[in-house]
Amino acid sequence: MQTLDDADLDLVAALQLTPRAPLNAVAEVLGTSASTAGRRIQRLQDSRLLRFISTVHWSLILTANPYVVWIKCEPGMTSSVAAAIQQVPEAQSILITSGDADIHCTIYPLAGTDLRRLLTRTLPAIPGIASIESHLVLRTARQAVAWHLDRLTDEQTAALRGHVDADPSSPPETVGPLGEAEFNALRLLFDDGRITAAQAARELDVSRSTAYRLIQSVLEAGAARPRVEIEPAVLGFPLTALITLDVQPQHIPAVLAALGAHPSGRFTVMTAGPASITHHAVFRDEDHLSRFVTEDIGELPGINGLNMSTALAVLRRQWIDRDNDVLLGDRVHAVLPPRP
């Protein structure tokens, strides 16, 4: 795997905070030139390590809340089962895991999904699956778009804040319906979070000013949140832990808020299942994870117990398949619904 130097990591950290910021503004904050920053970005993109995408508000693509799904496989069948799940459009992420289950995936009910059939017939019918547990997401405290490297100084962060489109940790509860033109702009942002007004104008066959207005409308509504897609392992966080916690009901809001604000978190939700809360998090090493469990989780109120698995392989995140865990492949499924 290609190693990122400090300048690469600083650049990624800045772009995680401000994915659409002009390169000259980012370069000035980092003390480099726009041309150098551009070359570094291009190298990471050419190496399939980095991509600019957008997270689309759930209300625009889903017919129901997601499910977290744990799958146990018959001996020797894990790889073939995981490959079969990759053919399922609703599987937003797929991890091969240690622990009680062999595979963990998140299922997002897209437009046209027969959710009951998917969970009770389609997935269980995959050869090699021994059992499935599916837990409905009730409330979300954190999504992967909010995870970022903590490398910038306070002064650098403040200088970049003016280029932030929206706080990735605070998406709106709902987004109003989009018109056809706005939805077409959303499609472009979904695949390229840094698309310019000039590029969008060519794709949409509209004027540059109209394209700019459409992009800003989509961003300001919270319909799309631009982000840097890059595997945490590339950034020095190779250990992904999937932690489920049994929490006393009256303490769920406090624990959910605390874990949702923790810098380790990439997906923190309240679920309907044996566990009250699911927390996906990334760590530098085993000691980093152990300290998180004993110190950070250990001081939280109302926790009766926890279960923990770790990712052995990453096959998909954000509907983007991975090669060798870290190389970004294709989105093989149509995620956005047909044009209105």
C-alpha atoms as a PDB file:
ATOM      1  CA  MET A   1       0.000   0.000   0.000  1.00  0.00           C
ATOM      2  CA  GLN A   2       1.243   3.476  -0.869  1.00  0.00           C
ATOM      3  CA  THR A   3       2.446   5.409   2.178  1.00  0.00           C
ATOM      4  CA  LEU A   4       1.180   8.925   2.743  1.00  0.00           C
ATOM      5  CA  ASP A   5       3.654  11.479   4.067  1.00  0.00           C
ATOM      6  CA  ASP A   6       2.838  14.285   6.496  1.00  0.00           C
ATOM      7  CA  ALA A   7       2.017  16.714   3.694  1.00  0.00           C
ATOM      8  CA  ASP A   8      -0.445  14.209   2.211  1.00  0.00           C
ATOM      9  CA  LEU A   9      -2.084  13.678   5.585  1.00  0.00           C
ATOM     10  CA  ASP A  10      -2.365  17.416   6.234  1.00  0.00           C
ATOM     11  CA  LEU A  11      -3.971  17.867   2.824  1.00  0.00           C
ATOM     12  CA  VAL A  12      -6.484  15.069   3.433  1.00  0.00           C
ATOM     13  CA  ALA A  13      -7.312  16.527   6.855  1.00  0.00           C
ATOM     14  CA  ALA A  14      -7.982  19.933   5.301  1.00  0.00           C
ATOM     15  CA  LEU A  15     -10.134  18.458   2.541  1.00  0.00           C
ATOM     16  CA  GLN A  16     -12.104  16.373   5.030  1.00  0.00           C
ATOM     17  CA  LEU A  17     -13.019  19.626   6.742  1.00  0.00           C
ATOM     18  CA  THR A  18     -13.657  21.566   3.518  1.00  0.00           C
ATOM     19  CA  PRO A  19     -14.104  19.150   0.589  1.00  0.00           C
ATOM     20  CA  ARG A  20     -15.102  21.889  -1.858  1.00  0.00           C
ATOM     21  CA  ALA A  21     -12.686  24.603  -0.766  1.00  0.00           C
ATOM     22  CA  PRO A  22     -10.643  26.229  -3.563  1.00  0.00           C
ATOM     23  CA  LEU A  23      -7.189  24.683  -3.768  1.00  0.00           C
ATOM     24  CA  ASN A  24      -5.491  28.040  -3.426  1.00  0.00           C
ATOM     25  CA  ALA A  25      -7.262  28.577  -0.085  1.00  0.00           C
ATOM     26  CA  VAL A  26      -6.321  25.108   1.162  1.00  0.00           C
ATOM     27  CA  ALA A  27      -2.738  25.502  -0.048  1.00  0.00           C
ATOM     28  CA  GLU A  28      -2.358  28.873   1.661  1.00  0.00           C
ATOM     29  CA  VAL A  29      -3.494  27.452   4.993  1.00  0.00           C
ATOM     30  CA  LEU A  30      -1.097  24.507   4.652  1.00  0.00           C
ATOM     31  CA  GLY A  31       1.831  26.647   3.538  1.00  0.00           C
ATOM     32  CA  THR A  32       2.197  25.129   0.089  1.00  0.00           C
ATOM     33  CA  SER A  33       1.219  26.010  -3.477  1.00  0.00           C
ATOM     34  CA  ALA A  34      -2.050  25.222  -5.209  1.00  0.00           C
ATOM     35  CA  SER A  35      -0.175  23.381  -7.960  1.00  0.00           C
ATOM     36  CA  THR A  36       1.601  21.164  -5.433  1.00  0.00           C
ATOM     37  CA  ALA A  37      -1.650  20.435  -3.613  1.00  0.00           C
ATOM     38  CA  GLY A  38      -3.318  19.639  -6.928  1.00  0.00           C
ATOM     39  CA  ARG A  39      -0.556  17.210  -7.892  1.00  0.00           C
ATOM     40  CA  ARG A  40      -0.841  15.438  -4.554  1.00  0.00           C
ATOM     41  CA  ILE A  41      -4.597  15.066  -4.920  1.00  0.00           C
ATOM     42  CA  GLN A  42      -4.238  13.769  -8.460  1.00  0.00           C
ATOM     43  CA  ARG A  43      -1.642  11.216  -7.346  1.00  0.00           C
ATOM     44  CA  LEU A  44      -3.943   9.918  -4.618  1.00  0.00           C
ATOM     45  CA  GLN A  45      -6.850   9.735  -7.051  1.00  0.00           C
ATOM     46  CA  ASP A  46      -4.768   7.980  -9.706  1.00  0.00           C
ATOM     47  CA  SER A  47      -3.661   5.476  -7.047  1.00  0.00           C
ATOM     48  CA  ARG A  48      -7.348   4.794  -6.246  1.00  0.00           C
ATOM     49  CA  LEU A  49      -6.824   5.823  -2.645  1.00  0.00           C
ATOM     50  CA  LEU A  50      -8.962   8.961  -2.611  1.00  0.00           C
ATOM     51  CA  ARG A  51     -12.184  10.113  -4.200  1.00  0.00           C
ATOM     52  CA  PHE A  52     -14.541  13.040  -3.694  1.00  0.00           C
ATOM     53  CA  ILE A  53     -18.161  11.977  -3.311  1.00  0.00           C
ATOM     54  CA  SER A  54     -21.214  13.187  -1.414  1.00  0.00           C
ATOM     55  CA  THR A  55     -23.397  11.605   1.215  1.00  0.00           C
ATOM     56  CA  VAL A  56     -27.035  12.003   0.167  1.00  0.00           C
ATOM     57  CA  HIS A  57     -29.674  12.703   2.802  1.00  0.00           C
ATOM     58  CA  TRP A  58     -31.443   9.465   3.680  1.00  0.00           C
ATOM     59  CA  SER A  59     -34.899  10.930   3.050  1.00  0.00           C
ATOM     60  CA  LEU A  60     -34.059  11.323  -0.656  1.00  0.00           C
ATOM     61  CA  ILE A  61     -32.962   7.750  -1.325  1.00  0.00           C
ATOM     62  CA  LEU A  62     -34.476   5.490   1.334  1.00  0.00           C
ATOM     63  CA  THR A  63     -37.981   4.219   1.917  1.00  0.00           C
ATOM     64  CA  ALA A  64     -37.214   3.268   5.544  1.00  0.00           C
ATOM     65  CA  ASN A  65     -34.389   3.474   8.048  1.00  0.00           C
ATOM     66  CA  PRO A  66     -31.336   1.259   7.464  1.00  0.00           C
ATOM     67  CA  TYR A  67     -30.685  -2.080   9.134  1.00  0.00           C
ATOM     68  CA  VAL A  68     -27.449  -3.374  10.596  1.00  0.00           C
ATOM     69  CA  VAL A  69     -27.132  -7.035   9.657  1.00  0.00           C
ATOM     70  CA  TRP A  70     -24.937  -9.740  11.177  1.00  0.00           C
ATOM     71  CA  ILE A  71     -24.441 -12.961   9.219  1.00  0.00           C
ATOM     72  CA  LYS A  72     -23.038 -16.295  10.350  1.00  0.00           C
ATOM     73  CA  CYS A  73     -21.738 -18.534   7.578  1.00  0.00           C
ATOM     74  CA  GLU A  74     -21.186 -22.225   7.204  1.00  0.00           C
ATOM     75  CA  PRO A  75     -17.501 -23.197   7.564  1.00  0.00           C
ATOM     76  CA  GLY A  76     -15.428 -22.154   4.581  1.00  0.00           C
ATOM     77  CA  MET A  77     -18.264 -20.201   2.926  1.00  0.00           C
ATOM     78  CA  THR A  78     -17.616 -16.660   4.166  1.00  0.00           C
ATOM     79  CA  SER A  79     -15.891 -15.367   1.032  1.00  0.00           C
ATOM     80  CA  SER A  80     -18.517 -16.721  -1.354  1.00  0.00           C
ATOM     81  CA  VAL A  81     -21.346 -15.375   0.803  1.00  0.00           C
ATOM     82  CA  ALA A  82     -19.718 -11.949   0.928  1.00  0.00           C
ATOM     83  CA  ALA A  83     -19.309 -11.975  -2.853  1.00  0.00           C
ATOM     84  CA  ALA A  84     -23.001 -12.786  -3.231  1.00  0.00           C
ATOM     85  CA  ILE A  85     -23.969  -9.915  -0.930  1.00  0.00           C
ATOM     86  CA  GLN A  86     -21.958  -7.588  -3.162  1.00  0.00           C
ATOM     87  CA  GLN A  87     -24.617  -8.240  -5.796  1.00  0.00           C
ATOM     88  CA  VAL A  88     -27.284  -6.772  -3.493  1.00  0.00           C
ATOM     89  CA  PRO A  89     -27.877  -3.080  -4.329  1.00  0.00           C
ATOM     90  CA  GLU A  90     -29.154  -2.325  -0.829  1.00  0.00           C
ATOM     91  CA  ALA A  91     -25.870  -3.417   0.807  1.00  0.00           C
ATOM     92  CA  GLN A  92     -24.195  -0.083   1.506  1.00  0.00           C
ATOM     93  CA  SER A  93     -21.233  -1.547   3.407  1.00  0.00           C
ATOM     94  CA  ILE A  94     -19.867  -5.083   3.686  1.00  0.00           C
ATOM     95  CA  LEU A  95     -17.178  -6.214   6.129  1.00  0.00           C
ATOM     96  CA  ILE A  96     -15.786  -9.652   6.894  1.00  0.00           C
ATOM     97  CA  THR A  97     -15.461  -9.758  10.652  1.00  0.00           C
ATOM     98  CA  SER A  98     -14.079 -11.623  13.615  1.00  0.00           C
ATOM     99  CA  GLY A  99     -16.258 -12.457  16.601  1.00  0.00           C
ATOM    100  CA  ASP A 100     -19.741 -13.961  16.771  1.00  0.00           C
ATOM    101  CA  ALA A 101     -20.614 -13.190  13.134  1.00  0.00           C
ATOM    102  CA  ASP A 102     -18.583 -13.703   9.980  1.00  0.00           C
ATOM    103  CA  ILE A 103     -20.009 -10.815   7.946  1.00  0.00           C
ATOM    104  CA  HIS A 104     -21.429  -7.450   8.898  1.00  0.00           C
ATOM    105  CA  CYS A 105     -23.335  -5.309   6.418  1.00  0.00           C
ATOM    106  CA  THR A 106     -25.593  -2.292   6.484  1.00  0.00           C
ATOM    107  CA  ILE A 107     -28.767  -2.591   4.434  1.00  0.00           C
ATOM    108  CA  TYR A 108     -30.339   0.586   3.066  1.00  0.00           C
ATOM    109  CA  PRO A 109     -33.904   0.180   1.708  1.00  0.00           C
ATOM    110  CA  LEU A 110     -33.690   1.968  -1.641  1.00  0.00           C
ATOM    111  CA  ALA A 111     -36.643   3.027  -3.777  1.00  0.00           C
ATOM    112  CA  GLY A 112     -38.462  -0.096  -4.930  1.00  0.00           C
ATOM    113  CA  THR A 113     -36.939  -2.368  -2.289  1.00  0.00           C
ATOM    114  CA  ASP A 114     -39.185  -5.090  -0.898  1.00  0.00           C
ATOM    115  CA  LEU A 115     -37.561  -4.977   2.521  1.00  0.00           C
ATOM    116  CA  ARG A 116     -39.428  -7.916   4.035  1.00  0.00           C
ATOM    117  CA  ARG A 117     -38.528 -10.129   1.076  1.00  0.00           C
ATOM    118  CA  LEU A 118     -34.909  -8.976   1.151  1.00  0.00           C
ATOM    119  CA  LEU A 119     -34.395  -9.725   4.844  1.00  0.00           C
ATOM    120  CA  THR A 120     -36.483 -12.892   5.102  1.00  0.00           C
ATOM    121  CA  ARG A 121     -35.994 -14.554   1.712  1.00  0.00           C
ATOM    122  CA  THR A 122     -33.339 -13.051  -0.565  1.00  0.00           C
ATOM    123  CA  LEU A 123     -30.464 -12.849   1.905  1.00  0.00           C
ATOM    124  CA  PRO A 124     -31.243 -16.122   3.770  1.00  0.00           C
ATOM    125  CA  ALA A 125     -31.382 -17.938   0.413  1.00  0.00           C
ATOM    126  CA  ILE A 126     -27.729 -17.179  -0.328  1.00  0.00           C
ATOM    127  CA  PRO A 127     -25.848 -20.510  -0.230  1.00  0.00           C
ATOM    128  CA  GLY A 128     -23.567 -20.767   2.772  1.00  0.00           C
ATOM    129  CA  ILE A 129     -25.502 -18.565   5.179  1.00  0.00           C
ATOM    130  CA  ALA A 130     -26.202 -20.273   8.492  1.00  0.00           C
ATOM    131  CA  SER A 131     -28.128 -17.474  10.227  1.00  0.00           C
ATOM    132  CA  ILE A 132     -28.948 -13.770   9.996  1.00  0.00           C
ATOM    133  CA  GLU A 133     -29.709 -11.104  12.581  1.00  0.00           C
ATOM    134  CA  SER A 134     -31.073  -7.767  11.355  1.00  0.00           C
ATOM    135  CA  HIS A 135     -31.526  -4.754  13.624  1.00  0.00           C
ATOM    136  CA  LEU A 136     -33.438  -1.633  12.619  1.00  0.00           C
ATOM    137  CA  VAL A 137     -31.673   1.714  13.071  1.00  0.00           C
ATOM    138  CA  LEU A 138     -33.878   3.887  15.293  1.00  0.00           C
ATOM    139  CA  ARG A 139     -31.717   6.974  15.683  1.00  0.00           C
ATOM    140  CA  THR A 140     -28.429   8.147  14.205  1.00  0.00           C
ATOM    141  CA  ALA A 141     -25.784  10.059  16.149  1.00  0.00           C
ATOM    142  CA  ARG A 142     -22.910   9.921  13.667  1.00  0.00           C
ATOM    143  CA  GLN A 143     -22.184   8.987  10.069  1.00  0.00           C
ATOM    144  CA  ALA A 144     -18.846   8.405   8.370  1.00  0.00           C
ATOM    145  CA  VAL A 145     -18.938  11.820   6.695  1.00  0.00           C
ATOM    146  CA  ALA A 146     -18.214  13.359  10.120  1.00  0.00           C
ATOM    147  CA  TRP A 147     -15.041  11.337  10.773  1.00  0.00           C
ATOM    148  CA  HIS A 148     -11.808  13.199  10.086  1.00  0.00           C
ATOM    149  CA  LEU A 149      -8.128  13.346  10.922  1.00  0.00           C
ATOM    150  CA  ASP A 150      -7.186  15.562  13.848  1.00  0.00           C
ATOM    151  CA  ARG A 151      -4.017  17.133  12.421  1.00  0.00           C
ATOM    152  CA  LEU A 152      -4.771  20.792  11.811  1.00  0.00           C
ATOM    153  CA  THR A 153      -3.989  23.561  14.271  1.00  0.00           C
ATOM    154  CA  ASP A 154      -6.774  25.705  15.668  1.00  0.00           C
ATOM    155  CA  GLU A 155      -5.595  28.550  13.445  1.00  0.00           C
ATOM    156  CA  GLN A 156      -5.671  26.359  10.322  1.00  0.00           C
ATOM    157  CA  THR A 157      -9.112  25.037  11.189  1.00  0.00           C
ATOM    158  CA  ALA A 158     -10.461  28.533  11.761  1.00  0.00           C
ATOM    159  CA  ALA A 159      -9.025  29.720   8.439  1.00  0.00           C
ATOM    160  CA  LEU A 160     -10.771  26.893   6.589  1.00  0.00           C
ATOM    161  CA  ARG A 161     -14.124  27.262   8.357  1.00  0.00           C
ATOM    162  CA  GLY A 162     -15.206  29.958   5.962  1.00  0.00           C
ATOM    163  CA  HIS A 163     -15.187  27.415   3.135  1.00  0.00           C
ATOM    164  CA  VAL A 164     -17.300  24.801   4.946  1.00  0.00           C
ATOM    165  CA  ASP A 165     -20.635  24.251   3.170  1.00  0.00           C
ATOM    166  CA  ALA A 166     -22.327  22.689   6.200  1.00  0.00           C
ATOM    167  CA  ASP A 167     -21.484  20.967   9.458  1.00  0.00           C
ATOM    168  CA  PRO A 168     -21.162  17.265   8.519  1.00  0.00           C
ATOM    169  CA  SER A 169     -22.025  16.220  12.055  1.00  0.00           C
ATOM    170  CA  SER A 170     -25.398  18.007  11.996  1.00  0.00           C
ATOM    171  CA  PRO A 171     -27.473  17.032   8.956  1.00  0.00           C
ATOM    172  CA  PRO A 172     -31.020  18.428   8.795  1.00  0.00           C
ATOM    173  CA  GLU A 173     -33.800  16.173  10.010  1.00  0.00           C
ATOM    174  CA  THR A 174     -35.558  16.283   6.648  1.00  0.00           C
ATOM    175  CA  VAL A 175     -34.981  17.714   3.189  1.00  0.00           C
ATOM    176  CA  GLY A 176     -37.796  19.078   1.066  1.00  0.00           C
ATOM    177  CA  PRO A 177     -38.498  17.597  -2.365  1.00  0.00           C
ATOM    178  CA  LEU A 178     -36.050  18.553  -5.101  1.00  0.00           C
ATOM    179  CA  GLY A 179     -37.038  19.682  -8.558  1.00  0.00           C
ATOM    180  CA  GLU A 180     -35.746  17.826 -11.591  1.00  0.00           C
ATOM    181  CA  ALA A 181     -32.887  20.266 -12.179  1.00  0.00           C
ATOM    182  CA  GLU A 182     -31.784  20.125  -8.547  1.00  0.00           C
ATOM    183  CA  PHE A 183     -32.005  16.343  -8.504  1.00  0.00           C
ATOM    184  CA  ASN A 184     -29.795  16.159 -11.584  1.00  0.00           C
ATOM    185  CA  ALA A 185     -27.269  18.378  -9.794  1.00  0.00           C
ATOM    186  CA  LEU A 186     -27.516  16.035  -6.810  1.00  0.00           C
ATOM    187  CA  ARG A 187     -26.579  13.114  -9.065  1.00  0.00           C
ATOM    188  CA  LEU A 188     -23.419  14.918 -10.120  1.00  0.00           C
ATOM    189  CA  LEU A 189     -22.465  15.746  -6.531  1.00  0.00           C
ATOM    190  CA  PHE A 190     -23.104  12.150  -5.471  1.00  0.00           C
ATOM    191  CA  ASP A 191     -20.336  10.978  -7.791  1.00  0.00           C
ATOM    192  CA  ASP A 192     -18.054  14.023  -7.534  1.00  0.00           C
ATOM    193  CA  GLY A 193     -18.227  16.095  -4.374  1.00  0.00           C
ATOM    194  CA  ARG A 194     -15.858  18.700  -5.844  1.00  0.00           C
ATOM    195  CA  ILE A 195     -17.567  19.158  -9.193  1.00  0.00           C
ATOM    196  CA  THR A 196     -17.311  22.763 -10.330  1.00  0.00           C
ATOM    197  CA  ALA A 197     -20.073  24.927 -11.727  1.00  0.00           C
ATOM    198  CA  ALA A 198     -18.336  24.864 -15.107  1.00  0.00           C
ATOM    199  CA  GLN A 199     -18.213  21.056 -15.136  1.00  0.00           C
ATOM    200  CA  ALA A 200     -21.820  20.791 -13.967  1.00  0.00           C
ATOM    201  CA  ALA A 201     -22.928  23.280 -16.621  1.00  0.00           C
ATOM    202  CA  ARG A 202     -21.508  21.053 -19.349  1.00  0.00           C
ATOM    203  CA  GLU A 203     -23.097  17.917 -17.882  1.00  0.00           C
ATOM    204  CA  LEU A 204     -26.497  19.547 -17.377  1.00  0.00           C
ATOM    205  CA  ASP A 205     -26.428  21.667 -20.532  1.00  0.00           C
ATOM    206  CA  VAL A 206     -27.183  24.858 -18.620  1.00  0.00           C
ATOM    207  CA  SER A 207     -25.343  28.111 -18.052  1.00  0.00           C
ATOM    208  CA  ARG A 208     -22.539  28.270 -15.515  1.00  0.00           C
ATOM    209  CA  SER A 209     -24.552  30.626 -13.305  1.00  0.00           C
ATOM    210  CA  THR A 210     -27.512  28.241 -13.344  1.00  0.00           C
ATOM    211  CA  ALA A 211     -25.271  25.285 -12.500  1.00  0.00           C
ATOM    212  CA  TYR A 212     -23.746  27.229  -9.604  1.00  0.00           C
ATOM    213  CA  ARG A 213     -27.191  28.114  -8.285  1.00  0.00           C
ATOM    214  CA  LEU A 214     -28.354  24.491  -8.505  1.00  0.00           C
ATOM    215  CA  ILE A 215     -25.273  23.181  -6.700  1.00  0.00           C
ATOM    216  CA  GLN A 216     -25.600  25.759  -3.938  1.00  0.00           C
ATOM    217  CA  SER A 217     -29.298  25.007  -3.557  1.00  0.00           C
ATOM    218  CA  VAL A 218     -28.600  21.295  -3.100  1.00  0.00           C
ATOM    219  CA  LEU A 219     -25.770  21.939  -0.637  1.00  0.00           C
ATOM    220  CA  GLU A 220     -27.607  24.549   1.409  1.00  0.00           C
ATOM    221  CA  ALA A 221     -30.642  22.282   1.718  1.00  0.00           C
ATOM    222  CA  GLY A 222     -28.463  19.531   3.179  1.00  0.00           C
ATOM    223  CA  ALA A 223     -29.457  17.173   0.371  1.00  0.00           C
ATOM    224  CA  ALA A 224     -25.795  16.380  -0.293  1.00  0.00           C
ATOM    225  CA  ARG A 225     -22.812  16.601   2.031  1.00  0.00           C
ATOM    226  CA  PRO A 226     -19.518  16.483   0.092  1.00  0.00           C
ATOM    227  CA  ARG A 227     -16.815  14.302   1.588  1.00  0.00           C
ATOM    228  CA  VAL A 228     -13.450  12.711   1.003  1.00  0.00           C
ATOM    229  CA  GLU A 229     -13.756   8.962   0.535  1.00  0.00           C
ATOM    230  CA  ILE A 230     -10.560   7.253   1.686  1.00  0.00           C
ATOM    231  CA  GLU A 231     -10.028   4.167   3.803  1.00  0.00           C
ATOM    232  CA  PRO A 232      -9.020   4.962   7.402  1.00  0.00           C
ATOM    233  CA  ALA A 233      -6.245   2.357   7.083  1.00  0.00           C
ATOM    234  CA  VAL A 234      -4.540   4.597   4.516  1.00  0.00           C
ATOM    235  CA  LEU A 235      -4.538   7.380   7.104  1.00  0.00           C
ATOM    236  CA  GLY A 236      -3.015   5.316   9.902  1.00  0.00           C
ATOM    237  CA  PHE A 237      -6.184   3.793  11.379  1.00  0.00           C
ATOM    238  CA  PRO A 238      -6.076   0.149  10.223  1.00  0.00           C
ATOM    239  CA  LEU A 239      -8.210  -1.314  13.013  1.00  0.00           C
ATOM    240  CA  THR A 240     -11.992  -1.118  12.572  1.00  0.00           C
ATOM    241  CA  ALA A 241     -14.030  -2.179  15.598  1.00  0.00           C
ATOM    242  CA  LEU A 242     -17.754  -2.900  15.565  1.00  0.00           C
ATOM    243  CA  ILE A 243     -19.024  -2.444  19.096  1.00  0.00           C
ATOM    244  CA  THR A 244     -22.530  -3.133  20.356  1.00  0.00           C
ATOM    245  CA  LEU A 245     -23.617  -1.986  23.794  1.00  0.00           C
ATOM    246  CA  ASP A 246     -26.460  -3.017  26.072  1.00  0.00           C
ATOM    247  CA  VAL A 247     -27.467   0.240  27.770  1.00  0.00           C
ATOM    248  CA  GLN A 248     -30.136   0.917  30.355  1.00  0.00           C
ATOM    249  CA  PRO A 249     -32.973   2.781  28.599  1.00  0.00           C
ATOM    250  CA  GLN A 250     -32.734   5.997  30.603  1.00  0.00           C
ATOM    251  CA  HIS A 251     -29.023   6.297  29.768  1.00  0.00           C
ATOM    252  CA  ILE A 252     -29.290   5.636  26.021  1.00  0.00           C
ATOM    253  CA  PRO A 253     -29.501   9.337  25.011  1.00  0.00           C
ATOM    254  CA  ALA A 254     -26.387  10.285  26.992  1.00  0.00           C
ATOM    255  CA  VAL A 255     -24.341   7.311  25.793  1.00  0.00           C
ATOM    256  CA  LEU A 256     -25.464   7.802  22.199  1.00  0.00           C
ATOM    257  CA  ALA A 257     -24.489  11.479  22.319  1.00  0.00           C
ATOM    258  CA  ALA A 258     -21.105  10.753  23.892  1.00  0.00           C
ATOM    259  CA  LEU A 259     -20.183   8.074  21.373  1.00  0.00           C
ATOM    260  CA  GLY A 260     -21.556  10.152  18.517  1.00  0.00           C
ATOM    261  CA  ALA A 261     -19.158  12.932  19.473  1.00  0.00           C
ATOM    262  CA  HIS A 262     -16.148  10.651  19.982  1.00  0.00           C
ATOM    263  CA  PRO A 263     -13.397  11.125  17.369  1.00  0.00           C
ATOM    264  CA  SER A 264     -13.140   7.370  16.774  1.00  0.00           C
ATOM    265  CA  GLY A 265     -16.701   7.036  15.499  1.00  0.00           C
ATOM    266  CA  ARG A 266     -17.781   6.500  11.897  1.00  0.00           C
ATOM    267  CA  PHE A 267     -21.281   5.100  12.448  1.00  0.00           C
ATOM    268  CA  THR A 268     -23.068   5.461  15.771  1.00  0.00           C
ATOM    269  CA  VAL A 269     -26.727   4.486  15.990  1.00  0.00           C
ATOM    270  CA  MET A 270     -29.454   3.342  18.337  1.00  0.00           C
ATOM    271  CA  THR A 271     -30.863   0.030  17.172  1.00  0.00           C
ATOM    272  CA  ALA A 272     -33.826  -2.246  17.784  1.00  0.00           C
ATOM    273  CA  GLY A 273     -32.158  -5.479  18.830  1.00  0.00           C
ATOM    274  CA  PRO A 274     -30.318  -7.204  21.666  1.00  0.00           C
ATOM    275  CA  ALA A 275     -27.967  -4.213  21.817  1.00  0.00           C
ATOM    276  CA  SER A 276     -29.176  -0.667  22.341  1.00  0.00           C
ATOM    277  CA  ILE A 277     -26.324   1.059  20.498  1.00  0.00           C
ATOM    278  CA  THR A 278     -23.990   0.115  17.655  1.00  0.00           C
ATOM    279  CA  HIS A 279     -20.725   2.031  17.327  1.00  0.00           C
ATOM    280  CA  HIS A 280     -18.375   1.516  14.385  1.00  0.00           C
ATOM    281  CA  ALA A 281     -15.010   3.074  15.126  1.00  0.00           C
ATOM    282  CA  VAL A 282     -11.428   3.113  13.834  1.00  0.00           C
ATOM    283  CA  PHE A 283      -8.193   2.950  15.784  1.00  0.00           C
ATOM    284  CA  ARG A 284      -4.442   3.153  15.273  1.00  0.00           C
ATOM    285  CA  ASP A 285      -3.718  -0.156  16.984  1.00  0.00           C
ATOM    286  CA  GLU A 286      -4.901  -2.623  19.613  1.00  0.00           C
ATOM    287  CA  ASP A 287      -3.713  -0.451  22.498  1.00  0.00           C
ATOM    288  CA  HIS A 288      -5.686   2.489  21.134  1.00  0.00           C
ATOM    289  CA  LEU A 289      -8.820   0.317  21.031  1.00  0.00           C
ATOM    290  CA  SER A 290      -8.262  -1.167  24.478  1.00  0.00           C
ATOM    291  CA  ARG A 291      -7.912   2.291  26.032  1.00  0.00           C
ATOM    292  CA  PHE A 292     -11.102   3.400  24.315  1.00  0.00           C
ATOM    293  CA  VAL A 293     -12.984   0.459  25.833  1.00  0.00           C
ATOM    294  CA  THR A 294     -11.606   0.733  29.355  1.00  0.00           C
ATOM    295  CA  GLU A 295     -11.384   4.512  29.644  1.00  0.00           C
ATOM    296  CA  ASP A 296     -13.933   6.116  27.318  1.00  0.00           C
ATOM    297  CA  ILE A 297     -16.664   3.487  27.362  1.00  0.00           C
ATOM    298  CA  GLY A 298     -15.788   2.536  30.928  1.00  0.00           C
ATOM    299  CA  GLU A 299     -16.810   5.923  32.278  1.00  0.00           C
ATOM    300  CA  LEU A 300     -20.174   6.055  30.501  1.00  0.00           C
ATOM    301  CA  PRO A 301     -23.298   5.527  32.649  1.00  0.00           C
ATOM    302  CA  GLY A 302     -25.779   2.687  32.448  1.00  0.00           C
ATOM    303  CA  ILE A 303     -23.829   0.177  30.364  1.00  0.00           C
ATOM    304  CA  ASN A 304     -24.707  -3.417  31.236  1.00  0.00           C
ATOM    305  CA  GLY A 305     -22.272  -4.989  28.787  1.00  0.00           C
ATOM    306  CA  LEU A 306     -20.765  -4.864  25.332  1.00  0.00           C
ATOM    307  CA  ASN A 307     -19.815  -7.112  22.457  1.00  0.00           C
ATOM    308  CA  MET A 308     -17.044  -6.378  20.027  1.00  0.00           C
ATOM    309  CA  SER A 309     -15.909  -7.574  16.608  1.00  0.00           C
ATOM    310  CA  THR A 310     -13.148  -6.338  14.338  1.00  0.00           C
ATOM    311  CA  ALA A 311     -13.021  -6.075  10.569  1.00  0.00           C
ATOM    312  CA  LEU A 312     -10.847  -8.684   8.871  1.00  0.00           C
ATOM    313  CA  ALA A 313     -11.553  -7.355   5.375  1.00  0.00           C
ATOM    314  CA  VAL A 314     -13.349  -4.374   3.866  1.00  0.00           C
ATOM    315  CA  LEU A 315     -15.338  -5.244   0.757  1.00  0.00           C
ATOM    316  CA  ARG A 316     -17.548  -2.171   0.447  1.00  0.00           C
ATOM    317  CA  ARG A 317     -18.280   1.188   2.010  1.00  0.00           C
ATOM    318  CA  GLN A 318     -20.626   3.874   0.693  1.00  0.00           C
ATOM    319  CA  TRP A 319     -21.671   1.470  -2.094  1.00  0.00           C
ATOM    320  CA  ILE A 320     -18.081   1.629  -3.405  1.00  0.00           C
ATOM    321  CA  ASP A 321     -16.406  -1.769  -3.646  1.00  0.00           C
ATOM    322  CA  ARG A 322     -12.828  -2.154  -2.410  1.00  0.00           C
ATOM    323  CA  ASP A 323      -9.888  -4.049  -3.825  1.00  0.00           C
ATOM    324  CA  ASN A 324      -7.333  -5.234  -1.266  1.00  0.00           C
ATOM    325  CA  ASP A 325      -9.308  -3.402   1.445  1.00  0.00           C
ATOM    326  CA  VAL A 326      -8.145   0.115   0.519  1.00  0.00           C
ATOM    327  CA  LEU A 327      -8.318   0.602  -3.263  1.00  0.00           C
ATOM    328  CA  LEU A 328     -11.525   2.314  -4.331  1.00  0.00           C
ATOM    329  CA  GLY A 329     -13.430   0.495  -7.042  1.00  0.00           C
ATOM    330  CA  ASP A 330     -16.743   1.142  -8.731  1.00  0.00           C
ATOM    331  CA  ARG A 331     -20.249   1.802  -7.564  1.00  0.00           C
ATOM    332  CA  VAL A 332     -21.782  -1.210  -9.249  1.00  0.00           C
ATOM    333  CA  HIS A 333     -25.384  -0.402  -8.364  1.00  0.00           C
ATOM    334  CA  ALA A 334     -27.704   2.498  -9.128  1.00  0.00           C
ATOM    335  CA  VAL A 335     -28.373   4.063  -5.737  1.00  0.00           C
ATOM    336  CA  LEU A 336     -30.295   7.216  -6.561  1.00  0.00           C
ATOM    337  CA  PRO A 337     -33.922   6.752  -7.623  1.00  0.00           C
ATOM    338  CA  PRO A 338     -35.020   7.496 -11.191  1.00  0.00           C
ATOM    339  CA  ARG A 339     -35.389  11.116 -12.166  1.00  0.00           C
ATOM    340  CA  PRO A 340     -38.585  12.710 -10.866  1.00  0.00           C
END
